[in-house]
Amino acid sequence: MTEPLPPPPPAPPGMSWGARFWLVVVILIGPAYLLWMTGVEGRRLWIVVGLIFLIAGFASLAHWLMGLTRR
């Protein structure tokens, strides 16, 4: 006789309305803030933003590669 299968894990909770609101606010205000700061600071700001994207890109690549080794 086989044992019954365990119940599936519960679904992860969805995003709340407050989290959705702030996500939209950040997505809308972020580029406007960058453009405004570019007018104030000039090209130096884009160097900093580029470095942040470079670091985030390498971090996501490392995360993806570590995920491949786990399987």
N, C-alpha and C. Protein backbone atom coordinates (compact mmCIF):
# COMPACT_ATOMS: atom_id res chain seq x y z
N MET A 1 0.85 -1.18 0.00
CA MET A 1 0.00 0.00 0.00
C MET A 1 0.89 1.24 0.00
N THR A 2 0.57 2.18 -0.85
CA THR A 2 1.40 3.38 -0.94
C THR A 2 0.87 4.45 0.00
N GLU A 3 1.80 5.28 0.45
CA GLU A 3 1.41 6.37 1.35
C GLU A 3 0.84 7.52 0.51
N PRO A 4 -0.09 8.25 1.06
CA PRO A 4 -0.63 9.40 0.31
C PRO A 4 0.43 10.49 0.15
N LEU A 5 0.33 11.19 -0.93
CA LEU A 5 1.28 12.27 -1.17
C LEU A 5 1.02 13.42 -0.20
N PRO A 6 2.10 14.11 0.21
CA PRO A 6 1.88 15.25 1.11
C PRO A 6 1.18 16.38 0.35
N PRO A 7 0.46 17.20 1.06
CA PRO A 7 -0.25 18.29 0.38
C PRO A 7 0.75 19.28 -0.23
N PRO A 8 0.39 19.91 -1.33
CA PRO A 8 1.32 20.86 -1.94
C PRO A 8 1.54 22.07 -1.03
N PRO A 9 2.68 22.71 -1.13
CA PRO A 9 2.92 23.88 -0.27
C PRO A 9 1.98 25.02 -0.66
N PRO A 10 1.65 25.88 0.30
CA PRO A 10 0.74 26.98 -0.02
C PRO A 10 1.38 27.96 -0.99
N ALA A 11 0.55 28.61 -1.77
CA ALA A 11 1.06 29.58 -2.74
C ALA A 11 1.64 30.79 -2.01
N PRO A 12 2.70 31.38 -2.55
CA PRO A 12 3.27 32.55 -1.88
C PRO A 12 2.28 33.71 -1.90
N PRO A 13 2.31 34.53 -0.87
CA PRO A 13 1.34 35.64 -0.84
C PRO A 13 1.64 36.64 -1.96
N GLY A 14 0.60 37.23 -2.49
CA GLY A 14 0.75 38.23 -3.54
C GLY A 14 1.18 39.57 -2.95
N MET A 15 1.45 40.51 -3.85
CA MET A 15 1.83 41.84 -3.39
C MET A 15 0.60 42.57 -2.86
N SER A 16 0.77 43.28 -1.76
CA SER A 16 -0.33 44.07 -1.22
C SER A 16 -0.52 45.32 -2.07
N TRP A 17 -1.64 45.99 -1.87
CA TRP A 17 -1.91 47.21 -2.64
C TRP A 17 -0.91 48.30 -2.29
N GLY A 18 -0.47 48.34 -1.05
CA GLY A 18 0.53 49.33 -0.66
C GLY A 18 1.85 49.10 -1.36
N ALA A 19 2.25 47.82 -1.46
CA ALA A 19 3.51 47.50 -2.15
C ALA A 19 3.40 47.82 -3.63
N ARG A 20 2.25 47.55 -4.23
CA ARG A 20 2.06 47.89 -5.64
C ARG A 20 2.11 49.40 -5.87
N PHE A 21 1.48 50.14 -4.96
CA PHE A 21 1.48 51.60 -5.07
C PHE A 21 2.89 52.15 -5.04
N TRP A 22 3.70 51.72 -4.06
CA TRP A 22 5.06 52.26 -3.96
C TRP A 22 5.94 51.80 -5.10
N LEU A 23 5.69 50.63 -5.63
CA LEU A 23 6.44 50.18 -6.81
C LEU A 23 6.15 51.09 -7.99
N VAL A 24 4.89 51.44 -8.20
CA VAL A 24 4.54 52.34 -9.30
C VAL A 24 5.12 53.73 -9.06
N VAL A 25 5.07 54.21 -7.83
CA VAL A 25 5.62 55.53 -7.52
C VAL A 25 7.11 55.58 -7.81
N VAL A 26 7.83 54.56 -7.39
CA VAL A 26 9.28 54.53 -7.61
C VAL A 26 9.59 54.43 -9.10
N ILE A 27 8.83 53.62 -9.83
CA ILE A 27 9.08 53.48 -11.27
C ILE A 27 8.80 54.79 -12.00
N LEU A 28 7.80 55.54 -11.57
CA LEU A 28 7.47 56.80 -12.23
C LEU A 28 8.40 57.94 -11.81
N ILE A 29 8.73 58.02 -10.54
CA ILE A 29 9.53 59.14 -10.04
C ILE A 29 11.02 58.91 -10.26
N GLY A 30 11.47 57.67 -10.29
CA GLY A 30 12.90 57.39 -10.44
C GLY A 30 13.53 58.02 -11.66
N PRO A 31 13.00 57.77 -12.87
CA PRO A 31 13.61 58.40 -14.06
C PRO A 31 13.54 59.92 -14.03
N ALA A 32 12.45 60.50 -13.51
CA ALA A 32 12.35 61.96 -13.42
C ALA A 32 13.42 62.51 -12.48
N TYR A 33 13.65 61.83 -11.37
CA TYR A 33 14.69 62.25 -10.43
C TYR A 33 16.08 62.16 -11.08
N LEU A 34 16.32 61.09 -11.83
CA LEU A 34 17.61 60.97 -12.51
C LEU A 34 17.83 62.10 -13.52
N LEU A 35 16.80 62.44 -14.27
CA LEU A 35 16.94 63.53 -15.23
C LEU A 35 17.18 64.86 -14.52
N TRP A 36 16.48 65.08 -13.43
CA TRP A 36 16.67 66.32 -12.68
C TRP A 36 18.09 66.39 -12.11
N MET A 37 18.56 65.29 -11.54
CA MET A 37 19.91 65.27 -10.97
C MET A 37 20.96 65.41 -12.06
N THR A 38 20.70 64.93 -13.24
CA THR A 38 21.63 65.11 -14.34
C THR A 38 21.77 66.59 -14.68
N GLY A 39 20.66 67.31 -14.65
CA GLY A 39 20.73 68.74 -14.88
C GLY A 39 21.51 69.46 -13.82
N VAL A 40 21.47 68.96 -12.59
CA VAL A 40 22.19 69.60 -11.49
C VAL A 40 23.65 69.17 -11.48
N GLU A 41 23.91 67.89 -11.57
CA GLU A 41 25.27 67.36 -11.41
C GLU A 41 26.02 67.20 -12.73
N GLY A 42 25.31 67.03 -13.81
CA GLY A 42 26.00 66.83 -15.08
C GLY A 42 26.36 65.37 -15.31
N ARG A 43 27.47 65.15 -16.00
CA ARG A 43 27.85 63.80 -16.41
C ARG A 43 28.29 62.91 -15.25
N ARG A 44 28.69 63.50 -14.16
CA ARG A 44 29.19 62.67 -13.04
C ARG A 44 28.12 61.71 -12.55
N LEU A 45 26.87 62.13 -12.60
CA LEU A 45 25.79 61.27 -12.12
C LEU A 45 25.70 60.00 -12.95
N TRP A 46 25.86 60.10 -14.27
CA TRP A 46 25.73 58.93 -15.13
C TRP A 46 26.87 57.94 -14.91
N ILE A 47 28.02 58.44 -14.46
CA ILE A 47 29.11 57.53 -14.12
C ILE A 47 28.72 56.69 -12.91
N VAL A 48 28.13 57.34 -11.91
CA VAL A 48 27.70 56.62 -10.71
C VAL A 48 26.58 55.62 -11.05
N VAL A 49 25.61 56.05 -11.84
CA VAL A 49 24.51 55.16 -12.23
C VAL A 49 25.06 53.97 -13.03
N GLY A 50 26.00 54.23 -13.92
CA GLY A 50 26.61 53.15 -14.69
C GLY A 50 27.33 52.15 -13.80
N LEU A 51 28.04 52.64 -12.80
CA LEU A 51 28.72 51.72 -11.87
C LEU A 51 27.72 50.89 -11.07
N ILE A 52 26.62 51.50 -10.68
CA ILE A 52 25.60 50.76 -9.94
C ILE A 52 25.01 49.65 -10.82
N PHE A 53 24.70 49.98 -12.09
CA PHE A 53 24.18 48.96 -13.00
C PHE A 53 25.21 47.86 -13.26
N LEU A 54 26.47 48.23 -13.35
CA LEU A 54 27.53 47.24 -13.57
C LEU A 54 27.62 46.27 -12.39
N ILE A 55 27.59 46.81 -11.19
CA ILE A 55 27.64 45.96 -9.99
C ILE A 55 26.40 45.08 -9.92
N ALA A 56 25.22 45.65 -10.19
CA ALA A 56 23.98 44.86 -10.15
C ALA A 56 23.98 43.77 -11.22
N GLY A 57 24.54 44.08 -12.39
CA GLY A 57 24.61 43.08 -13.46
C GLY A 57 25.50 41.91 -13.08
N PHE A 58 26.67 42.21 -12.50
CA PHE A 58 27.55 41.11 -12.09
C PHE A 58 26.95 40.32 -10.93
N ALA A 59 26.24 40.99 -10.04
CA ALA A 59 25.58 40.28 -8.94
C ALA A 59 24.49 39.35 -9.46
N SER A 60 23.71 39.81 -10.44
CA SER A 60 22.68 38.93 -10.99
C SER A 60 23.28 37.77 -11.76
N LEU A 61 24.38 38.01 -12.45
CA LEU A 61 25.06 36.92 -13.15
C LEU A 61 25.59 35.89 -12.15
N ALA A 62 26.19 36.35 -11.07
CA ALA A 62 26.69 35.43 -10.05
C ALA A 62 25.53 34.66 -9.41
N HIS A 63 24.42 35.32 -9.17
CA HIS A 63 23.26 34.66 -8.58
C HIS A 63 22.74 33.58 -9.52
N TRP A 64 22.66 33.88 -10.80
CA TRP A 64 22.19 32.91 -11.78
C TRP A 64 23.14 31.71 -11.87
N LEU A 65 24.45 31.97 -11.88
CA LEU A 65 25.41 30.88 -11.94
C LEU A 65 25.37 30.00 -10.69
N MET A 66 25.18 30.61 -9.52
CA MET A 66 25.07 29.81 -8.31
C MET A 66 23.82 28.95 -8.35
N GLY A 67 22.74 29.48 -8.95
CA GLY A 67 21.51 28.69 -9.09
C GLY A 67 21.72 27.48 -9.98
N LEU A 68 22.57 27.61 -11.00
CA LEU A 68 22.84 26.47 -11.87
C LEU A 68 23.58 25.37 -11.14
N THR A 69 24.47 25.73 -10.21
CA THR A 69 25.22 24.71 -9.49
C THR A 69 24.34 24.00 -8.46
N ARG A 70 23.25 24.59 -8.06
CA ARG A 70 22.40 24.00 -7.04
C ARG A 70 21.55 22.86 -7.59
N ARG A 71 21.26 22.89 -8.88
CA ARG A 71 20.35 21.89 -9.46
C ARG A 71 20.99 20.57 -9.63
